[in-house]
PDB file of all heavy atoms in Angstrom:
ATOM      1  N   PHE A   1      94.296 127.027  84.475  1.00  0.00           N
ATOM      2  CA  PHE A   1      94.947 126.312  85.562  1.00  0.00           C
ATOM      3  C   PHE A   1      93.999 125.397  86.359  1.00  0.00           C
ATOM      4  O   PHE A   1      94.289 124.208  86.555  1.00  0.00           O
ATOM      5  CB  PHE A   1      95.650 127.311  86.521  1.00  0.00           C
ATOM      6  CG  PHE A   1      96.280 126.654  87.712  1.00  0.00           C
ATOM      7  CD1 PHE A   1      97.469 125.952  87.622  1.00  0.00           C
ATOM      8  CD2 PHE A   1      95.662 126.778  88.966  1.00  0.00           C
ATOM      9  CE1 PHE A   1      98.061 125.369  88.709  1.00  0.00           C
ATOM     10  CE2 PHE A   1      96.243 126.168  90.080  1.00  0.00           C
ATOM     11  CZ  PHE A   1      97.440 125.478  89.949  1.00  0.00           C
ATOM     12  N   PRO A   2      92.845 125.920  86.811  1.00  0.00           N
ATOM     13  CA  PRO A   2      91.926 124.993  87.541  1.00  0.00           C
ATOM     14  C   PRO A   2      91.408 123.858  86.632  1.00  0.00           C
ATOM     15  O   PRO A   2      91.131 122.763  87.157  1.00  0.00           O
ATOM     16  CB  PRO A   2      90.767 125.950  87.954  1.00  0.00           C
ATOM     17  CG  PRO A   2      91.335 127.308  87.880  1.00  0.00           C
ATOM     18  CD  PRO A   2      92.339 127.250  86.768  1.00  0.00           C
ATOM     19  N   THR A   3      91.297 124.095  85.350  1.00  0.00           N
ATOM     20  CA  THR A   3      90.772 123.112  84.434  1.00  0.00           C
ATOM     21  C   THR A   3      91.771 121.970  84.184  1.00  0.00           C
ATOM     22  O   THR A   3      91.420 120.801  84.149  1.00  0.00           O
ATOM     23  CB  THR A   3      90.416 123.736  83.100  1.00  0.00           C
ATOM     24  OG1 THR A   3      89.459 124.786  83.315  1.00  0.00           O
ATOM     25  CG2 THR A   3      89.828 122.694  82.104  1.00  0.00           C
ATOM     26  N   PHE A   4      93.047 122.350  84.027  1.00  0.00           N
ATOM     27  CA  PHE A   4      94.058 121.380  83.610  1.00  0.00           C
ATOM     28  C   PHE A   4      95.050 120.936  84.625  1.00  0.00           C
ATOM     29  O   PHE A   4      95.871 120.054  84.399  1.00  0.00           O
ATOM     30  CB  PHE A   4      94.808 121.958  82.408  1.00  0.00           C
ATOM     31  CG  PHE A   4      93.974 122.096  81.185  1.00  0.00           C
ATOM     32  CD1 PHE A   4      93.558 123.338  80.759  1.00  0.00           C
ATOM     33  CD2 PHE A   4      93.593 121.007  80.403  1.00  0.00           C
ATOM     34  CE1 PHE A   4      92.753 123.505  79.607  1.00  0.00           C
ATOM     35  CE2 PHE A   4      92.810 121.129  79.274  1.00  0.00           C
ATOM     36  CZ  PHE A   4      92.409 122.389  78.876  1.00  0.00           C
ATOM     37  N   LYS A   5      95.026 121.519  85.876  1.00  0.00           N
ATOM     38  CA  LYS A   5      96.053 121.200  86.830  1.00  0.00           C
ATOM     39  C   LYS A   5      96.073 119.709  87.231  1.00  0.00           C
ATOM     40  O   LYS A   5      97.138 119.098  87.374  1.00  0.00           O
ATOM     41  CB  LYS A   5      95.969 122.058  88.081  1.00  0.00           C
ATOM     42  CG  LYS A   5      94.738 121.814  88.949  1.00  0.00           C
ATOM     43  CD  LYS A   5      94.786 122.689  90.224  1.00  0.00           C
ATOM     44  CE  LYS A   5      93.569 122.447  91.105  1.00  0.00           C
ATOM     45  NZ  LYS A   5      93.617 123.251  92.341  1.00  0.00           N
ATOM     46  N   LYS A   6      94.898 119.100  87.418  1.00  0.00           N
ATOM     47  CA  LYS A   6      94.825 117.699  87.800  1.00  0.00           C
ATOM     48  C   LYS A   6      95.314 116.791  86.654  1.00  0.00           C
ATOM     49  O   LYS A   6      96.076 115.858  86.865  1.00  0.00           O
ATOM     50  CB  LYS A   6      93.403 117.326  88.164  1.00  0.00           C
ATOM     51  CG  LYS A   6      93.234 115.853  88.583  1.00  0.00           C
ATOM     52  CD  LYS A   6      93.997 115.480  89.828  1.00  0.00           C
ATOM     53  CE  LYS A   6      93.551 114.144  90.435  1.00  0.00           C
ATOM     54  NZ  LYS A   6      93.732 113.019  89.506  1.00  0.00           N
ATOM     55  N   ILE A   7      94.903 117.120  85.447  1.00  0.00           N
ATOM     56  CA  ILE A   7      95.331 116.344  84.263  1.00  0.00           C
ATOM     57  C   ILE A   7      96.842 116.430  84.126  1.00  0.00           C
ATOM     58  O   ILE A   7      97.529 115.423  83.925  1.00  0.00           O
ATOM     59  CB  ILE A   7      94.669 116.866  82.985  1.00  0.00           C
ATOM     60  CG1 ILE A   7      93.149 116.668  83.100  1.00  0.00           C
ATOM     61  CG2 ILE A   7      95.220 116.183  81.750  1.00  0.00           C
ATOM     62  CD1 ILE A   7      92.355 117.367  82.014  1.00  0.00           C
ATOM     63  N   ALA A   8      97.393 117.644  84.238  1.00  0.00           N
ATOM     64  CA  ALA A   8      98.827 117.855  84.120  1.00  0.00           C
ATOM     65  C   ALA A   8      99.583 117.131  85.220  1.00  0.00           C
ATOM     66  O   ALA A   8     100.623 116.509  85.006  1.00  0.00           O
ATOM     67  CB  ALA A   8      99.168 119.338  84.113  1.00  0.00           C
ATOM     68  N   ALA A   9      99.084 117.232  86.453  1.00  0.00           N
ATOM     69  CA  ALA A   9      99.738 116.589  87.592  1.00  0.00           C
ATOM     70  C   ALA A   9      99.751 115.070  87.420  1.00  0.00           C
ATOM     71  O   ALA A   9     100.759 114.392  87.769  1.00  0.00           O
ATOM     72  CB  ALA A   9      99.052 116.956  88.894  1.00  0.00           C
ATOM     73  N   ASP A  10      98.689 114.502  86.908  1.00  0.00           N
ATOM     74  CA  ASP A  10      98.633 113.054  86.684  1.00  0.00           C
ATOM     75  C   ASP A  10      99.724 112.607  85.674  1.00  0.00           C
ATOM     76  O   ASP A  10     100.297 111.524  85.857  1.00  0.00           O
ATOM     77  CB  ASP A  10      97.247 112.649  86.179  1.00  0.00           C
ATOM     78  CG  ASP A  10      96.181 112.704  87.252  1.00  0.00           C
ATOM     79  OD1 ASP A  10      96.557 112.805  88.440  1.00  0.00           O
ATOM     80  OD2 ASP A  10      94.984 112.659  86.899  1.00  0.00           O
ATOM     81  N   ILE A  11      99.962 113.421  84.672  1.00  0.00           N
ATOM     82  CA  ILE A  11     100.985 113.089  83.685  1.00  0.00           C
ATOM     83  C   ILE A  11     102.378 113.048  84.355  1.00  0.00           C
ATOM     84  O   ILE A  11     103.137 112.116  84.149  1.00  0.00           O
ATOM     85  CB  ILE A  11     100.972 114.097  82.536  1.00  0.00           C
ATOM     86  CG1 ILE A  11      99.664 113.982  81.743  1.00  0.00           C
ATOM     87  CG2 ILE A  11     102.173 113.873  81.591  1.00  0.00           C
ATOM     88  CD1 ILE A  11      99.454 115.100  80.722  1.00  0.00           C
ATOM     89  N   SER A  12     102.680 114.076  85.148  1.00  0.00           N
ATOM     90  CA  SER A  12     104.018 114.099  85.774  1.00  0.00           C
ATOM     91  C   SER A  12     104.142 112.966  86.780  1.00  0.00           C
ATOM     92  O   SER A  12     105.254 112.387  86.949  1.00  0.00           O
ATOM     93  CB  SER A  12     104.260 115.484  86.435  1.00  0.00           C
ATOM     94  OG  SER A  12     103.288 115.765  87.402  1.00  0.00           O
ATOM     95  N   THR A  13     103.064 112.650  87.487  1.00  0.00           N
ATOM     96  CA  THR A  13     103.099 111.521  88.449  1.00  0.00           C
ATOM     97  C   THR A  13     103.390 110.226  87.721  1.00  0.00           C
ATOM     98  O   THR A  13     104.202 109.398  88.207  1.00  0.00           O
ATOM     99  CB  THR A  13     101.772 111.424  89.202  1.00  0.00           C
ATOM    100  OG1 THR A  13     101.564 112.617  89.967  1.00  0.00           O
ATOM    101  CG2 THR A  13     101.742 110.227  90.143  1.00  0.00           C
ATOM    102  N   ALA A  14     102.753 109.969  86.612  1.00  0.00           N
ATOM    103  CA  ALA A  14     102.971 108.762  85.835  1.00  0.00           C
ATOM    104  C   ALA A  14     104.405 108.656  85.413  1.00  0.00           C
ATOM    105  O   ALA A  14     104.994 107.536  85.423  1.00  0.00           O
ATOM    106  CB  ALA A  14     102.041 108.742  84.630  1.00  0.00           C
ATOM    107  N   ILE A  15     105.003 109.738  85.042  1.00  0.00           N
ATOM    108  CA  ILE A  15     106.421 109.738  84.622  1.00  0.00           C
ATOM    109  C   ILE A  15     107.353 109.374  85.805  1.00  0.00           C
ATOM    110  O   ILE A  15     108.253 108.546  85.641  1.00  0.00           O
ATOM    111  CB  ILE A  15     106.833 111.102  84.021  1.00  0.00           C
ATOM    112  CG1 ILE A  15     106.084 111.336  82.693  1.00  0.00           C
ATOM    113  CG2 ILE A  15     108.361 111.164  83.805  1.00  0.00           C
ATOM    114  CD1 ILE A  15     106.188 112.739  82.181  1.00  0.00           C
ATOM    115  N   ILE A  16     107.058 109.935  86.952  1.00  0.00           N
ATOM    116  CA  ILE A  16     107.878 109.606  88.137  1.00  0.00           C
ATOM    117  C   ILE A  16     107.744 108.114  88.474  1.00  0.00           C
ATOM    118  O   ILE A  16     108.762 107.477  88.766  1.00  0.00           O
ATOM    119  CB  ILE A  16     107.415 110.473  89.356  1.00  0.00           C
ATOM    120  CG1 ILE A  16     107.741 111.957  89.085  1.00  0.00           C
ATOM    121  CG2 ILE A  16     108.116 109.982  90.626  1.00  0.00           C
ATOM    122  CD1 ILE A  16     109.220 112.244  88.940  1.00  0.00           C
ATOM    123  N   LEU A  17     106.550 107.584  88.407  1.00  0.00           N
ATOM    124  CA  LEU A  17     106.357 106.161  88.709  1.00  0.00           C
ATOM    125  C   LEU A  17     107.117 105.262  87.747  1.00  0.00           C
ATOM    126  O   LEU A  17     107.763 104.283  88.130  1.00  0.00           O
ATOM    127  CB  LEU A  17     104.888 105.823  88.728  1.00  0.00           C
ATOM    128  CG  LEU A  17     104.071 106.380  89.891  1.00  0.00           C
ATOM    129  CD1 LEU A  17     102.588 106.156  89.690  1.00  0.00           C
ATOM    130  CD2 LEU A  17     104.547 105.742  91.221  1.00  0.00           C
ATOM    131  N   GLU A  18     107.121 105.660  86.447  1.00  0.00           N
ATOM    132  CA  GLU A  18     107.859 104.867  85.456  1.00  0.00           C
ATOM    133  C   GLU A  18     109.355 105.016  85.674  1.00  0.00           C
ATOM    134  O   GLU A  18     110.113 104.053  85.503  1.00  0.00           O
ATOM    135  CB  GLU A  18     107.465 105.338  84.057  1.00  0.00           C
ATOM    136  CG  GLU A  18     106.120 104.832  83.573  1.00  0.00           C
ATOM    137  CD  GLU A  18     106.008 103.324  83.595  1.00  0.00           C
ATOM    138  OE1 GLU A  18     106.955 102.668  83.082  1.00  0.00           O
ATOM    139  OE2 GLU A  18     105.011 102.798  84.104  1.00  0.00           O
ATOM    140  N   TYR A  19     109.761 106.211  86.016  1.00  0.00           N
ATOM    141  CA  TYR A  19     111.201 106.422  86.320  1.00  0.00           C
ATOM    142  C   TYR A  19     111.647 105.515  87.472  1.00  0.00           C
ATOM    143  O   TYR A  19     112.732 104.892  87.405  1.00  0.00           O
ATOM    144  CB  TYR A  19     111.471 107.905  86.656  1.00  0.00           C
ATOM    145  CG  TYR A  19     112.809 108.132  87.305  1.00  0.00           C
ATOM    146  CD1 TYR A  19     113.973 108.129  86.571  1.00  0.00           C
ATOM    147  CD2 TYR A  19     112.924 108.298  88.701  1.00  0.00           C
ATOM    148  CE1 TYR A  19     115.197 108.304  87.147  1.00  0.00           C
ATOM    149  CE2 TYR A  19     114.142 108.507  89.290  1.00  0.00           C
ATOM    150  CZ  TYR A  19     115.298 108.492  88.508  1.00  0.00           C
ATOM    151  OH  TYR A  19     116.516 108.654  89.158  1.00  0.00           O
ATOM    152  N   ILE A  20     110.868 105.465  88.512  1.00  0.00           N
ATOM    153  CA  ILE A  20     111.232 104.652  89.692  1.00  0.00           C
ATOM    154  C   ILE A  20     111.275 103.189  89.291  1.00  0.00           C
ATOM    155  O   ILE A  20     112.190 102.457  89.715  1.00  0.00           O
ATOM    156  CB  ILE A  20     110.208 104.911  90.825  1.00  0.00           C
ATOM    157  CG1 ILE A  20     110.473 106.293  91.406  1.00  0.00           C
ATOM    158  CG2 ILE A  20     110.385 103.833  91.927  1.00  0.00           C
ATOM    159  CD1 ILE A  20     109.430 106.722  92.466  1.00  0.00           C
ATOM    160  N   LYS A  21     110.348 102.725  88.479  1.00  0.00           N
ATOM    161  CA  LYS A  21     110.408 101.356  88.026  1.00  0.00           C
ATOM    162  C   LYS A  21     111.714 101.027  87.294  1.00  0.00           C
ATOM    163  O   LYS A  21     112.350  99.984  87.513  1.00  0.00           O
ATOM    164  CB  LYS A  21     109.234 101.039  87.057  1.00  0.00           C
ATOM    165  CG  LYS A  21     107.917 100.901  87.736  1.00  0.00           C
ATOM    166  CD  LYS A  21     106.830 100.582  86.674  1.00  0.00           C
ATOM    167  CE  LYS A  21     105.434 100.533  87.310  1.00  0.00           C
ATOM    168  NZ  LYS A  21     104.412 100.286  86.281  1.00  0.00           N
ATOM    169  N   SER A  22     112.140 101.943  86.455  1.00  0.00           N
ATOM    170  CA  SER A  22     113.370 101.728  85.664  1.00  0.00           C
ATOM    171  C   SER A  22     114.613 101.850  86.533  1.00  0.00           C
ATOM    172  O   SER A  22     115.666 101.302  86.163  1.00  0.00           O
ATOM    173  CB  SER A  22     113.450 102.741  84.524  1.00  0.00           C
ATOM    174  OG  SER A  22     113.656 104.041  84.995  1.00  0.00           O
ATOM    175  N   GLU A  23     114.519 102.541  87.639  1.00  0.00           N
ATOM    176  CA  GLU A  23     115.677 102.788  88.463  1.00  0.00           C
ATOM    177  C   GLU A  23     115.746 101.923  89.712  1.00  0.00           C
ATOM    178  O   GLU A  23     116.656 102.064  90.524  1.00  0.00           O
ATOM    179  CB  GLU A  23     115.687 104.241  88.928  1.00  0.00           C
ATOM    180  CG  GLU A  23     116.025 105.223  87.801  1.00  0.00           C
ATOM    181  CD  GLU A  23     117.439 105.080  87.335  1.00  0.00           C
ATOM    182  OE1 GLU A  23     118.376 105.401  88.121  1.00  0.00           O
ATOM    183  OE2 GLU A  23     117.656 104.627  86.170  1.00  0.00           O
ATOM    184  N   GLN A  24     114.797 101.030  89.915  1.00  0.00           N
ATOM    185  CA  GLN A  24     114.684 100.324  91.202  1.00  0.00           C
ATOM    186  C   GLN A  24     115.971  99.590  91.593  1.00  0.00           C
ATOM    187  O   GLN A  24     116.261  99.436  92.761  1.00  0.00           O
ATOM    188  CB  GLN A  24     113.509  99.376  91.226  1.00  0.00           C
ATOM    189  CG  GLN A  24     113.488  98.296  90.156  1.00  0.00           C
ATOM    190  CD  GLN A  24     112.172  97.516  90.205  1.00  0.00           C
ATOM    191  OE1 GLN A  24     111.835  96.941  91.263  1.00  0.00           O
ATOM    192  NE2 GLN A  24     111.447  97.484  89.143  1.00  0.00           N
ATOM    193  N   ASN A  25     116.708  99.141  90.620  1.00  0.00           N
ATOM    194  CA  ASN A  25     117.976  98.433  90.947  1.00  0.00           C
ATOM    195  C   ASN A  25     119.144  99.390  91.232  1.00  0.00           C
ATOM    196  O   ASN A  25     120.217  98.932  91.576  1.00  0.00           O
ATOM    197  CB  ASN A  25     118.344  97.479  89.819  1.00  0.00           C
ATOM    198  CG  ASN A  25     117.339  96.380  89.662  1.00  0.00           C
ATOM    199  OD1 ASN A  25     116.768  95.894  90.649  1.00  0.00           O
ATOM    200  ND2 ASN A  25     117.098  95.906  88.439  1.00  0.00           N
ATOM    201  N   GLN A  26     118.901 100.666  91.022  1.00  0.00           N
ATOM    202  CA  GLN A  26     119.981 101.650  91.205  1.00  0.00           C
ATOM    203  C   GLN A  26     120.011 102.183  92.639  1.00  0.00           C
ATOM    204  O   GLN A  26     121.006 102.815  93.028  1.00  0.00           O
ATOM    205  CB  GLN A  26     119.808 102.815  90.258  1.00  0.00           C
ATOM    206  CG  GLN A  26     119.802 102.431  88.795  1.00  0.00           C
ATOM    207  CD  GLN A  26     121.106 101.756  88.373  1.00  0.00           C
ATOM    208  OE1 GLN A  26     122.172 102.250  88.727  1.00  0.00           O
ATOM    209  NE2 GLN A  26     121.017 100.714  87.618  1.00  0.00           N
ATOM    210  N   PHE A  27     118.949 101.978  93.372  1.00  0.00           N
ATOM    211  CA  PHE A  27     118.876 102.503  94.751  1.00  0.00           C
ATOM    212  C   PHE A  27     119.093 101.362  95.754  1.00  0.00           C
ATOM    213  O   PHE A  27     118.763 100.219  95.513  1.00  0.00           O
ATOM    214  CB  PHE A  27     117.536 103.176  95.009  1.00  0.00           C
ATOM    215  CG  PHE A  27     117.346 104.396  94.155  1.00  0.00           C
ATOM    216  CD1 PHE A  27     116.648 104.322  92.950  1.00  0.00           C
ATOM    217  CD2 PHE A  27     117.833 105.621  94.574  1.00  0.00           C
ATOM    218  CE1 PHE A  27     116.477 105.462  92.183  1.00  0.00           C
ATOM    219  CE2 PHE A  27     117.640 106.735  93.820  1.00  0.00           C
ATOM    220  CZ  PHE A  27     116.987 106.660  92.610  1.00  0.00           C
ATOM    221  N   ALA A  28     119.633 101.707  96.883  1.00  0.00           N
ATOM    222  CA  ALA A  28     119.817 100.710  97.949  1.00  0.00           C
ATOM    223  C   ALA A  28     118.442 100.283  98.468  1.00  0.00           C
ATOM    224  O   ALA A  28     117.566 101.104  98.722  1.00  0.00           O
ATOM    225  CB  ALA A  28     120.627 101.315  99.083  1.00  0.00           C
TER     226      ALA A  28
END
């Protein structure tokens, strides 16, 4: 967990940012 938590968190963050890019026209 201490070894991989930052790496894993960066992956999920990148996915969220890409999701937001794809959805930007769906939100007010």
